[in-house]
């Protein structure tokens, strides 16, 4: 029993942790950093190039990925009238776990007149990876949000597939005290087989969700005119617009996602294009 406890303590002590708390504020029509806190293996950098009047923030995981037992959290506050384009330096890789989940918690807050584009690069799940993610968004009246999250279950170009593992993803988006969007997704066990089912992803291994708030049918007019290479579903309700994308590989998904964002008039972080 003692040896097992010692192994558990050693395992816990060697797990990666990371935390970012970022707040931005507008002054004279320019968005600037108001507060930046970094801890563990997460860092945030601010390239010189700006997207119009928006500040660009790039999140970096200096650990190179996540595995079972790692715990990361990101908190972003966008002040009144501020504009922020937030992305990641590279795709986040989730490696095989011997048991515990890797945990990622994201909390986004946007004040009145603020605008946030949350555009991280893809999350790549390797075989037998385990990831539990939670995204909470709090929008004030008059705040705007565009967020895109993409997940790859393996890398087709490398001949890799996520045969088994665990992925749970919980989103909650609120405007004031009113719930706008709630979704909980869970895939467990033989994930490749489940994604192959026609009623699931029909063999697709690359998935993305794009959420726009506020959003309506007019928001989606240019998007509906696109010729997507993968499968896409687009809806607007309750003051938001949502697009779902499925593709056979990450390259096709990224091309479709870039086309969709361009149709919305949304610039992407420069690192997406390198």
C-alpha atoms as a PDB file:
ATOM      1  CA  UNK A   1       0.000   0.000   0.000  1.00  0.00           C
ATOM      2  CA  UNK A   2       2.824   2.398   0.908  1.00  0.00           C
ATOM      3  CA  UNK A   3       4.640   1.751  -2.368  1.00  0.00           C
ATOM      4  CA  UNK A   4       1.437   2.419  -4.338  1.00  0.00           C
ATOM      5  CA  UNK A   5       0.886   5.694  -2.463  1.00  0.00           C
ATOM      6  CA  UNK A   6       4.473   6.742  -3.134  1.00  0.00           C
ATOM      7  CA  UNK A   7       4.042   6.025  -6.861  1.00  0.00           C
ATOM      8  CA  UNK A   8       0.840   8.076  -6.909  1.00  0.00           C
ATOM      9  CA  UNK A   9       2.570  10.987  -5.173  1.00  0.00           C
ATOM     10  CA  UNK A  10       5.505  10.797  -7.589  1.00  0.00           C
ATOM     11  CA  UNK A  11       3.128  10.749 -10.557  1.00  0.00           C
ATOM     12  CA  UNK A  12       1.207  13.782  -9.262  1.00  0.00           C
ATOM     13  CA  UNK A  13       4.403  15.719  -8.585  1.00  0.00           C
ATOM     14  CA  UNK A  14       5.526  15.238 -12.191  1.00  0.00           C
ATOM     15  CA  UNK A  15       2.305  16.403 -13.834  1.00  0.00           C
ATOM     16  CA  UNK A  16       2.328  19.685 -15.750  1.00  0.00           C
ATOM     17  CA  UNK A  17       0.207  22.614 -14.628  1.00  0.00           C
ATOM     18  CA  UNK A  18      -0.350  25.968 -16.262  1.00  0.00           C
ATOM     19  CA  UNK A  19      -2.504  29.034 -15.726  1.00  0.00           C
ATOM     20  CA  UNK A  20      -3.023  32.280 -17.613  1.00  0.00           C
ATOM     21  CA  UNK A  21      -5.097  35.225 -16.375  1.00  0.00           C
ATOM     22  CA  UNK A  22      -5.270  37.977 -18.979  1.00  0.00           C
ATOM     23  CA  UNK A  23      -7.274  41.209 -18.898  1.00  0.00           C
ATOM     24  CA  UNK A  24      -7.325  43.818 -21.672  1.00  0.00           C
ATOM     25  CA  UNK A  25      -8.787  47.318 -21.674  1.00  0.00           C
ATOM     26  CA  UNK A  26      -9.491  50.022 -24.258  1.00  0.00           C
ATOM     27  CA  UNK A  27      -7.913  53.466 -24.005  1.00  0.00           C
ATOM     28  CA  UNK A  28      -8.170  56.074 -26.738  1.00  0.00           C
ATOM     29  CA  UNK A  29      -9.537  53.516 -29.169  1.00  0.00           C
ATOM     30  CA  UNK A  30      -6.574  51.186 -28.650  1.00  0.00           C
ATOM     31  CA  UNK A  31      -6.690  47.880 -26.765  1.00  0.00           C
ATOM     32  CA  UNK A  32      -3.844  47.293 -24.322  1.00  0.00           C
ATOM     33  CA  UNK A  33      -2.919  44.760 -21.673  1.00  0.00           C
ATOM     34  CA  UNK A  34      -4.336  45.632 -18.267  1.00  0.00           C
ATOM     35  CA  UNK A  35      -3.203  42.521 -16.377  1.00  0.00           C
ATOM     36  CA  UNK A  36      -1.146  39.461 -17.318  1.00  0.00           C
ATOM     37  CA  UNK A  37      -0.477  36.547 -14.987  1.00  0.00           C
ATOM     38  CA  UNK A  38       1.359  33.399 -16.082  1.00  0.00           C
ATOM     39  CA  UNK A  39       2.059  30.292 -14.076  1.00  0.00           C
ATOM     40  CA  UNK A  40       3.524  26.901 -14.891  1.00  0.00           C
ATOM     41  CA  UNK A  41       4.037  25.919 -18.520  1.00  0.00           C
ATOM     42  CA  UNK A  42       1.530  28.345 -20.084  1.00  0.00           C
ATOM     43  CA  UNK A  43       2.678  31.674 -21.515  1.00  0.00           C
ATOM     44  CA  UNK A  44       0.967  34.420 -23.501  1.00  0.00           C
ATOM     45  CA  UNK A  45       2.756  36.616 -26.037  1.00  0.00           C
ATOM     46  CA  UNK A  46       1.644  39.674 -27.993  1.00  0.00           C
ATOM     47  CA  UNK A  47       2.942  39.962 -31.580  1.00  0.00           C
ATOM     48  CA  UNK A  48       3.631  43.429 -32.963  1.00  0.00           C
ATOM     49  CA  UNK A  49       1.055  43.004 -35.707  1.00  0.00           C
ATOM     50  CA  UNK A  50      -2.506  43.850 -34.733  1.00  0.00           C
ATOM     51  CA  UNK A  51      -5.737  42.733 -36.395  1.00  0.00           C
ATOM     52  CA  UNK A  52      -7.216  46.157 -37.206  1.00  0.00           C
ATOM     53  CA  UNK A  53      -7.877  47.840 -33.864  1.00  0.00           C
ATOM     54  CA  UNK A  54      -7.626  44.534 -31.966  1.00  0.00           C
ATOM     55  CA  UNK A  55      -4.810  43.358 -29.746  1.00  0.00           C
ATOM     56  CA  UNK A  56      -3.501  39.902 -30.665  1.00  0.00           C
ATOM     57  CA  UNK A  57      -2.600  37.399 -27.936  1.00  0.00           C
ATOM     58  CA  UNK A  58      -0.843  34.086 -28.625  1.00  0.00           C
ATOM     59  CA  UNK A  59      -0.956  31.338 -26.004  1.00  0.00           C
ATOM     60  CA  UNK A  60       2.072  29.062 -25.779  1.00  0.00           C
ATOM     61  CA  UNK A  61       2.330  25.717 -24.003  1.00  0.00           C
ATOM     62  CA  UNK A  62       6.044  25.454 -23.291  1.00  0.00           C
ATOM     63  CA  UNK A  63       5.565  21.807 -22.299  1.00  0.00           C
ATOM     64  CA  UNK A  64       4.785  20.848 -25.895  1.00  0.00           C
ATOM     65  CA  UNK A  65       1.512  19.065 -25.119  1.00  0.00           C
ATOM     66  CA  UNK A  66      -0.611  17.503 -22.393  1.00  0.00           C
ATOM     67  CA  UNK A  67      -1.035  14.034 -20.986  1.00  0.00           C
ATOM     68  CA  UNK A  68      -2.947  12.314 -18.194  1.00  0.00           C
ATOM     69  CA  UNK A  69      -3.001  14.286 -14.946  1.00  0.00           C
ATOM     70  CA  UNK A  70      -1.926  17.619 -16.482  1.00  0.00           C
ATOM     71  CA  UNK A  71      -4.154  20.559 -15.525  1.00  0.00           C
ATOM     72  CA  UNK A  72      -4.300  23.848 -17.436  1.00  0.00           C
ATOM     73  CA  UNK A  73      -6.594  26.860 -17.087  1.00  0.00           C
ATOM     74  CA  UNK A  74      -7.015  30.059 -19.092  1.00  0.00           C
ATOM     75  CA  UNK A  75      -8.975  33.120 -17.989  1.00  0.00           C
ATOM     76  CA  UNK A  76      -9.503  36.081 -20.321  1.00  0.00           C
ATOM     77  CA  UNK A  77     -11.352  39.317 -19.484  1.00  0.00           C
ATOM     78  CA  UNK A  78     -12.090  41.781 -22.276  1.00  0.00           C
ATOM     79  CA  UNK A  79     -12.986  45.232 -20.932  1.00  0.00           C
ATOM     80  CA  UNK A  80     -15.557  47.718 -22.200  1.00  0.00           C
ATOM     81  CA  UNK A  81     -14.941  48.602 -25.830  1.00  0.00           C
ATOM     82  CA  UNK A  82     -11.776  46.468 -26.018  1.00  0.00           C
ATOM     83  CA  UNK A  83     -10.942  44.190 -28.961  1.00  0.00           C
ATOM     84  CA  UNK A  84      -8.936  40.970 -28.577  1.00  0.00           C
ATOM     85  CA  UNK A  85      -7.908  38.278 -31.052  1.00  0.00           C
ATOM     86  CA  UNK A  86      -6.687  35.285 -29.030  1.00  0.00           C
ATOM     87  CA  UNK A  87      -5.091  32.184 -30.506  1.00  0.00           C
ATOM     88  CA  UNK A  88      -2.401  29.587 -29.867  1.00  0.00           C
ATOM     89  CA  UNK A  89       1.123  29.185 -31.173  1.00  0.00           C
ATOM     90  CA  UNK A  90       0.506  25.629 -32.362  1.00  0.00           C
ATOM     91  CA  UNK A  91      -1.977  22.792 -32.236  1.00  0.00           C
ATOM     92  CA  UNK A  92      -2.433  21.462 -28.693  1.00  0.00           C
ATOM     93  CA  UNK A  93      -1.406  17.798 -28.548  1.00  0.00           C
ATOM     94  CA  UNK A  94      -3.024  15.437 -26.039  1.00  0.00           C
ATOM     95  CA  UNK A  95      -0.907  12.321 -25.570  1.00  0.00           C
ATOM     96  CA  UNK A  96      -1.693   8.832 -24.296  1.00  0.00           C
ATOM     97  CA  UNK A  97      -2.717   8.539 -20.659  1.00  0.00           C
ATOM     98  CA  UNK A  98      -2.236   5.621 -18.309  1.00  0.00           C
ATOM     99  CA  UNK A  99      -5.406   6.547 -16.429  1.00  0.00           C
ATOM    100  CA  UNK A 100      -6.234  10.123 -15.380  1.00  0.00           C
ATOM    101  CA  UNK A 101      -7.644  12.798 -17.691  1.00  0.00           C
ATOM    102  CA  UNK A 102      -5.770  15.834 -18.904  1.00  0.00           C
ATOM    103  CA  UNK A 103      -7.904  18.796 -17.793  1.00  0.00           C
ATOM    104  CA  UNK A 104      -8.359  22.105 -19.586  1.00  0.00           C
ATOM    105  CA  UNK A 105     -10.607  24.874 -18.220  1.00  0.00           C
ATOM    106  CA  UNK A 106     -11.267  28.050 -20.221  1.00  0.00           C
ATOM    107  CA  UNK A 107     -13.175  31.067 -18.844  1.00  0.00           C
ATOM    108  CA  UNK A 108     -13.903  33.974 -21.198  1.00  0.00           C
ATOM    109  CA  UNK A 109     -15.566  37.235 -20.131  1.00  0.00           C
ATOM    110  CA  UNK A 110     -16.464  40.151 -22.425  1.00  0.00           C
ATOM    111  CA  UNK A 111     -17.806  43.503 -21.153  1.00  0.00           C
ATOM    112  CA  UNK A 112     -20.250  45.838 -22.891  1.00  0.00           C
ATOM    113  CA  UNK A 113     -18.967  46.924 -26.291  1.00  0.00           C
ATOM    114  CA  UNK A 114     -16.076  44.477 -26.091  1.00  0.00           C
ATOM    115  CA  UNK A 115     -15.261  42.007 -28.841  1.00  0.00           C
ATOM    116  CA  UNK A 116     -13.394  38.711 -28.504  1.00  0.00           C
ATOM    117  CA  UNK A 117     -12.293  36.350 -31.254  1.00  0.00           C
ATOM    118  CA  UNK A 118     -11.229  33.066 -29.602  1.00  0.00           C
ATOM    119  CA  UNK A 119      -9.355  31.171 -32.326  1.00  0.00           C
ATOM    120  CA  UNK A 120      -6.926  28.554 -30.974  1.00  0.00           C
ATOM    121  CA  UNK A 121      -5.393  26.088 -33.384  1.00  0.00           C
ATOM    122  CA  UNK A 122      -6.606  22.503 -33.400  1.00  0.00           C
ATOM    123  CA  UNK A 123      -6.562  20.117 -30.445  1.00  0.00           C
ATOM    124  CA  UNK A 124      -5.052  16.787 -31.557  1.00  0.00           C
ATOM    125  CA  UNK A 125      -5.969  13.673 -29.599  1.00  0.00           C
ATOM    126  CA  UNK A 126      -3.578  10.735 -29.920  1.00  0.00           C
ATOM    127  CA  UNK A 127      -4.568   7.109 -29.388  1.00  0.00           C
ATOM    128  CA  UNK A 128      -5.606   6.400 -25.776  1.00  0.00           C
ATOM    129  CA  UNK A 129      -5.527  10.088 -24.881  1.00  0.00           C
ATOM    130  CA  UNK A 130      -7.937  11.343 -22.244  1.00  0.00           C
ATOM    131  CA  UNK A 131      -9.107  14.970 -22.193  1.00  0.00           C
ATOM    132  CA  UNK A 132     -11.741  16.708 -20.088  1.00  0.00           C
ATOM    133  CA  UNK A 133     -12.383  20.291 -21.166  1.00  0.00           C
ATOM    134  CA  UNK A 134     -14.735  22.973 -19.906  1.00  0.00           C
ATOM    135  CA  UNK A 135     -15.409  26.320 -21.605  1.00  0.00           C
ATOM    136  CA  UNK A 136     -17.442  28.988 -19.792  1.00  0.00           C
ATOM    137  CA  UNK A 137     -18.281  32.293 -21.488  1.00  0.00           C
ATOM    138  CA  UNK A 138     -19.881  35.325 -19.826  1.00  0.00           C
ATOM    139  CA  UNK A 139     -21.049  38.059 -22.214  1.00  0.00           C
ATOM    140  CA  UNK A 140     -22.398  41.412 -21.080  1.00  0.00           C
ATOM    141  CA  UNK A 141     -25.195  43.100 -23.015  1.00  0.00           C
ATOM    142  CA  UNK A 142     -23.662  44.588 -26.138  1.00  0.00           C
ATOM    143  CA  UNK A 143     -20.610  42.292 -26.069  1.00  0.00           C
ATOM    144  CA  UNK A 144     -19.549  40.282 -29.141  1.00  0.00           C
ATOM    145  CA  UNK A 145     -17.928  36.863 -29.413  1.00  0.00           C
ATOM    146  CA  UNK A 146     -16.646  34.669 -32.211  1.00  0.00           C
ATOM    147  CA  UNK A 147     -15.100  31.385 -31.131  1.00  0.00           C
ATOM    148  CA  UNK A 148     -13.890  28.416 -33.141  1.00  0.00           C
ATOM    149  CA  UNK A 149     -12.695  25.144 -31.630  1.00  0.00           C
ATOM    150  CA  UNK A 150     -11.406  22.261 -33.749  1.00  0.00           C
ATOM    151  CA  UNK A 151     -10.565  18.717 -32.621  1.00  0.00           C
ATOM    152  CA  UNK A 152      -8.647  16.049 -34.565  1.00  0.00           C
ATOM    153  CA  UNK A 153      -8.978  12.416 -33.503  1.00  0.00           C
ATOM    154  CA  UNK A 154      -5.551  11.410 -34.774  1.00  0.00           C
ATOM    155  CA  UNK A 155      -3.535  12.708 -37.731  1.00  0.00           C
ATOM    156  CA  UNK A 156      -4.534  11.124 -41.030  1.00  0.00           C
ATOM    157  CA  UNK A 157      -1.460  12.515 -42.831  1.00  0.00           C
ATOM    158  CA  UNK A 158       0.769  10.611 -40.374  1.00  0.00           C
ATOM    159  CA  UNK A 159      -1.255   7.397 -40.590  1.00  0.00           C
ATOM    160  CA  UNK A 160      -2.343   7.880 -36.977  1.00  0.00           C
ATOM    161  CA  UNK A 161      -5.785   7.237 -35.553  1.00  0.00           C
ATOM    162  CA  UNK A 162      -7.328   7.608 -32.133  1.00  0.00           C
ATOM    163  CA  UNK A 163      -8.691   4.097 -31.742  1.00  0.00           C
ATOM    164  CA  UNK A 164      -9.592   4.381 -28.074  1.00  0.00           C
ATOM    165  CA  UNK A 165      -9.621   7.051 -25.410  1.00  0.00           C
ATOM    166  CA  UNK A 166     -11.824   9.623 -23.761  1.00  0.00           C
ATOM    167  CA  UNK A 167     -12.986  13.114 -24.731  1.00  0.00           C
ATOM    168  CA  UNK A 168     -15.485  15.202 -22.811  1.00  0.00           C
ATOM    169  CA  UNK A 169     -16.253  18.794 -23.749  1.00  0.00           C
ATOM    170  CA  UNK A 170     -18.638  21.075 -21.841  1.00  0.00           C
ATOM    171  CA  UNK A 171     -19.607  24.532 -23.152  1.00  0.00           C
ATOM    172  CA  UNK A 172     -21.765  27.126 -21.395  1.00  0.00           C
ATOM    173  CA  UNK A 173     -22.317  30.581 -22.921  1.00  0.00           C
ATOM    174  CA  UNK A 174     -24.311  33.196 -21.009  1.00  0.00           C
ATOM    175  CA  UNK A 175     -25.321  36.770 -21.689  1.00  0.00           C
ATOM    176  CA  UNK A 176     -25.833  38.331 -18.289  1.00  0.00           C
ATOM    177  CA  UNK A 177     -27.716  35.709 -16.322  1.00  0.00           C
ATOM    178  CA  UNK A 178     -29.386  34.222 -19.404  1.00  0.00           C
ATOM    179  CA  UNK A 179     -28.087  30.955 -20.832  1.00  0.00           C
ATOM    180  CA  UNK A 180     -27.551  31.280 -24.589  1.00  0.00           C
ATOM    181  CA  UNK A 181     -25.829  28.018 -25.431  1.00  0.00           C
ATOM    182  CA  UNK A 182     -25.204  24.798 -23.521  1.00  0.00           C
ATOM    183  CA  UNK A 183     -23.566  21.677 -24.848  1.00  0.00           C
ATOM    184  CA  UNK A 184     -21.904  18.626 -23.350  1.00  0.00           C
ATOM    185  CA  UNK A 185     -20.194  16.080 -25.596  1.00  0.00           C
ATOM    186  CA  UNK A 186     -18.632  12.829 -24.468  1.00  0.00           C
ATOM    187  CA  UNK A 187     -16.867  10.140 -26.472  1.00  0.00           C
ATOM    188  CA  UNK A 188     -15.441   7.200 -24.563  1.00  0.00           C
ATOM    189  CA  UNK A 189     -13.989   3.790 -25.321  1.00  0.00           C
ATOM    190  CA  UNK A 190     -13.720   2.748 -28.988  1.00  0.00           C
ATOM    191  CA  UNK A 191     -13.810   6.274 -30.400  1.00  0.00           C
ATOM    192  CA  UNK A 192     -12.702   5.402 -33.957  1.00  0.00           C
ATOM    193  CA  UNK A 193     -15.556   2.938 -34.318  1.00  0.00           C
ATOM    194  CA  UNK A 194     -18.082   5.422 -32.984  1.00  0.00           C
ATOM    195  CA  UNK A 195     -16.916   8.188 -35.343  1.00  0.00           C
ATOM    196  CA  UNK A 196     -17.184   5.788 -38.282  1.00  0.00           C
ATOM    197  CA  UNK A 197     -20.934   5.348 -37.748  1.00  0.00           C
ATOM    198  CA  UNK A 198     -23.087   7.183 -40.352  1.00  0.00           C
ATOM    199  CA  UNK A 199     -25.197   8.740 -37.595  1.00  0.00           C
ATOM    200  CA  UNK A 200     -22.065  10.128 -35.886  1.00  0.00           C
ATOM    201  CA  UNK A 201     -19.248  11.512 -38.059  1.00  0.00           C
ATOM    202  CA  UNK A 202     -19.546   9.026 -40.957  1.00  0.00           C
ATOM    203  CA  UNK A 203     -15.813   8.366 -40.872  1.00  0.00           C
ATOM    204  CA  UNK A 204     -14.737  11.957 -40.288  1.00  0.00           C
ATOM    205  CA  UNK A 205     -11.964  12.459 -37.736  1.00  0.00           C
ATOM    206  CA  UNK A 206     -11.763  16.264 -37.810  1.00  0.00           C
ATOM    207  CA  UNK A 207     -14.538  18.270 -36.120  1.00  0.00           C
ATOM    208  CA  UNK A 208     -15.052  21.982 -35.463  1.00  0.00           C
ATOM    209  CA  UNK A 209     -17.667  24.238 -33.921  1.00  0.00           C
ATOM    210  CA  UNK A 210     -17.902  27.957 -34.665  1.00  0.00           C
ATOM    211  CA  UNK A 211     -20.140  30.121 -32.462  1.00  0.00           C
ATOM    212  CA  UNK A 212     -21.035  33.756 -33.185  1.00  0.00           C
ATOM    213  CA  UNK A 213     -22.824  35.987 -30.672  1.00  0.00           C
ATOM    214  CA  UNK A 214     -24.759  37.994 -31.540  1.00  0.00           C
ATOM    215  CA  UNK A 215     -25.664  36.107 -34.683  1.00  0.00           C
ATOM    216  CA  UNK A 216     -28.656  35.564 -36.956  1.00  0.00           C
ATOM    217  CA  UNK A 217     -29.503  34.353 -40.464  1.00  0.00           C
ATOM    218  CA  UNK A 218     -28.084  37.544 -41.980  1.00  0.00           C
ATOM    219  CA  UNK A 219     -24.767  36.793 -40.261  1.00  0.00           C
ATOM    220  CA  UNK A 220     -24.638  33.454 -42.075  1.00  0.00           C
ATOM    221  CA  UNK A 221     -25.622  34.618 -45.584  1.00  0.00           C
ATOM    222  CA  UNK A 222     -22.047  34.641 -46.951  1.00  0.00           C
ATOM    223  CA  UNK A 223     -21.217  31.392 -45.159  1.00  0.00           C
ATOM    224  CA  UNK A 224     -24.123  29.523 -46.751  1.00  0.00           C
ATOM    225  CA  UNK A 225     -22.826  30.505 -50.203  1.00  0.00           C
ATOM    226  CA  UNK A 226     -19.493  28.710 -49.682  1.00  0.00           C
ATOM    227  CA  UNK A 227     -18.552  25.416 -51.329  1.00  0.00           C
ATOM    228  CA  UNK A 228     -17.260  23.385 -48.391  1.00  0.00           C
ATOM    229  CA  UNK A 229     -15.122  20.295 -49.011  1.00  0.00           C
ATOM    230  CA  UNK A 230     -16.288  18.577 -45.833  1.00  0.00           C
ATOM    231  CA  UNK A 231     -19.740  18.316 -44.306  1.00  0.00           C
ATOM    232  CA  UNK A 232     -21.171  21.463 -42.729  1.00  0.00           C
ATOM    233  CA  UNK A 233     -24.342  22.351 -40.808  1.00  0.00           C
ATOM    234  CA  UNK A 234     -25.293  25.947 -40.020  1.00  0.00           C
ATOM    235  CA  UNK A 235     -28.032  27.279 -37.734  1.00  0.00           C
ATOM    236  CA  UNK A 236     -29.106  30.522 -36.060  1.00  0.00           C
ATOM    237  CA  UNK A 237     -31.387  30.784 -33.032  1.00  0.00           C
ATOM    238  CA  UNK A 238     -31.706  32.520 -29.684  1.00  0.00           C
ATOM    239  CA  UNK A 239     -29.494  35.412 -30.807  1.00  0.00           C
ATOM    240  CA  UNK A 240     -26.527  33.234 -31.779  1.00  0.00           C
ATOM    241  CA  UNK A 241     -25.249  31.503 -34.925  1.00  0.00           C
ATOM    242  CA  UNK A 242     -23.476  28.138 -34.905  1.00  0.00           C
ATOM    243  CA  UNK A 243     -21.641  26.227 -37.629  1.00  0.00           C
ATOM    244  CA  UNK A 244     -20.547  22.586 -37.362  1.00  0.00           C
ATOM    245  CA  UNK A 245     -17.840  21.193 -39.614  1.00  0.00           C
ATOM    246  CA  UNK A 246     -16.745  17.586 -40.163  1.00  0.00           C
ATOM    247  CA  UNK A 247     -13.937  16.444 -42.467  1.00  0.00           C
ATOM    248  CA  UNK A 248     -11.931  13.335 -43.251  1.00  0.00           C
ATOM    249  CA  UNK A 249      -8.655  14.999 -42.258  1.00  0.00           C
ATOM    250  CA  UNK A 250      -7.266  18.082 -40.585  1.00  0.00           C
ATOM    251  CA  UNK A 251      -6.149  19.785 -43.816  1.00  0.00           C
ATOM    252  CA  UNK A 252      -9.649  19.758 -45.278  1.00  0.00           C
ATOM    253  CA  UNK A 253     -11.120  20.976 -41.992  1.00  0.00           C
ATOM    254  CA  UNK A 254      -8.669  23.872 -41.773  1.00  0.00           C
ATOM    255  CA  UNK A 255      -9.372  24.953 -45.353  1.00  0.00           C
ATOM    256  CA  UNK A 256     -13.115  24.951 -44.676  1.00  0.00           C
ATOM    257  CA  UNK A 257     -12.630  26.773 -41.383  1.00  0.00           C
ATOM    258  CA  UNK A 258     -10.455  29.464 -42.973  1.00  0.00           C
ATOM    259  CA  UNK A 259     -13.037  29.979 -45.721  1.00  0.00           C
ATOM    260  CA  UNK A 260     -15.821  30.271 -43.151  1.00  0.00           C
ATOM    261  CA  UNK A 261     -13.955  32.828 -41.052  1.00  0.00           C
ATOM    262  CA  UNK A 262     -13.076  34.857 -44.153  1.00  0.00           C
ATOM    263  CA  UNK A 263     -16.760  34.894 -45.141  1.00  0.00           C
ATOM    264  CA  UNK A 264     -17.534  36.288 -41.700  1.00  0.00           C
ATOM    265  CA  UNK A 265     -14.889  38.994 -42.168  1.00  0.00           C
ATOM    266  CA  UNK A 266     -12.855  37.672 -39.253  1.00  0.00           C
ATOM    267  CA  UNK A 267      -9.038  37.842 -39.449  1.00  0.00           C
ATOM    268  CA  UNK A 268      -7.164  34.824 -38.107  1.00  0.00           C
ATOM    269  CA  UNK A 269      -3.947  34.857 -36.066  1.00  0.00           C
ATOM    270  CA  UNK A 270      -0.874  35.018 -38.303  1.00  0.00           C
ATOM    271  CA  UNK A 271       0.387  31.675 -36.995  1.00  0.00           C
ATOM    272  CA  UNK A 272      -2.616  29.932 -38.586  1.00  0.00           C
ATOM    273  CA  UNK A 273      -1.135  30.786 -41.993  1.00  0.00           C
ATOM    274  CA  UNK A 274       2.468  29.674 -41.406  1.00  0.00           C
END
